[in-house]
Amino acid sequence: FGIAVDSAGNAFVTGETNSSDFPTTATATYGGGSWDAFVTKLDAAGSALVYSTYLGGSGSDAGHAIAVDASADAYVTGFTASGDFPATAGSFQATPAGVSDGFFTIADAFVAKITDVVPPPPPDDQCPPLGVCLPPVVCLPLGVCLPQWPFQ
């Protein structure tokens, strides 16, 4: 699971939880399943949540890695076994193609917008930790989720 730190010292964390009382900020809803992924930002002192939310649907979902750019946008990879994973309009693939699929999510600095890109087959890809070449490029391990992703 992952942690990243921005230039101001804020910590960004992703992983999985099955806790219905995981510390979240307003409007976060547990999706269900065995566990949900989460995206959390802690202040530089580590004493307060800037934001914290669940990420997932009715199946099991987990965040595997996280990176942050100069604008404090968080980039998260992981996997989903949820047919109703919250993909946004315009996502490359809005529903899983196998039992579980990898995902790549961007959460803006205030989690006002979460953009999901769920990759296409092969089935059961899970997107292990990403390498980070920020800004502005996020690098995935060669051959893990690429070459099926339509990146140019």
Foldseek 3Di string as FASTA:
>chain_A
DEWEAAPQQKIKDKWKDPDQPDDFDPPAGFAAANIFMKIWIAHNVNPDTLGIHTFAHHHGWTWAYWYAANQRKIKTKWKYQDQQGPADPPAPDRGAPASMWMKIWIQGNNSPDIHIHTFHDPHPQTQHYWDCPDVVDTGGPPPRRPPRDPDD
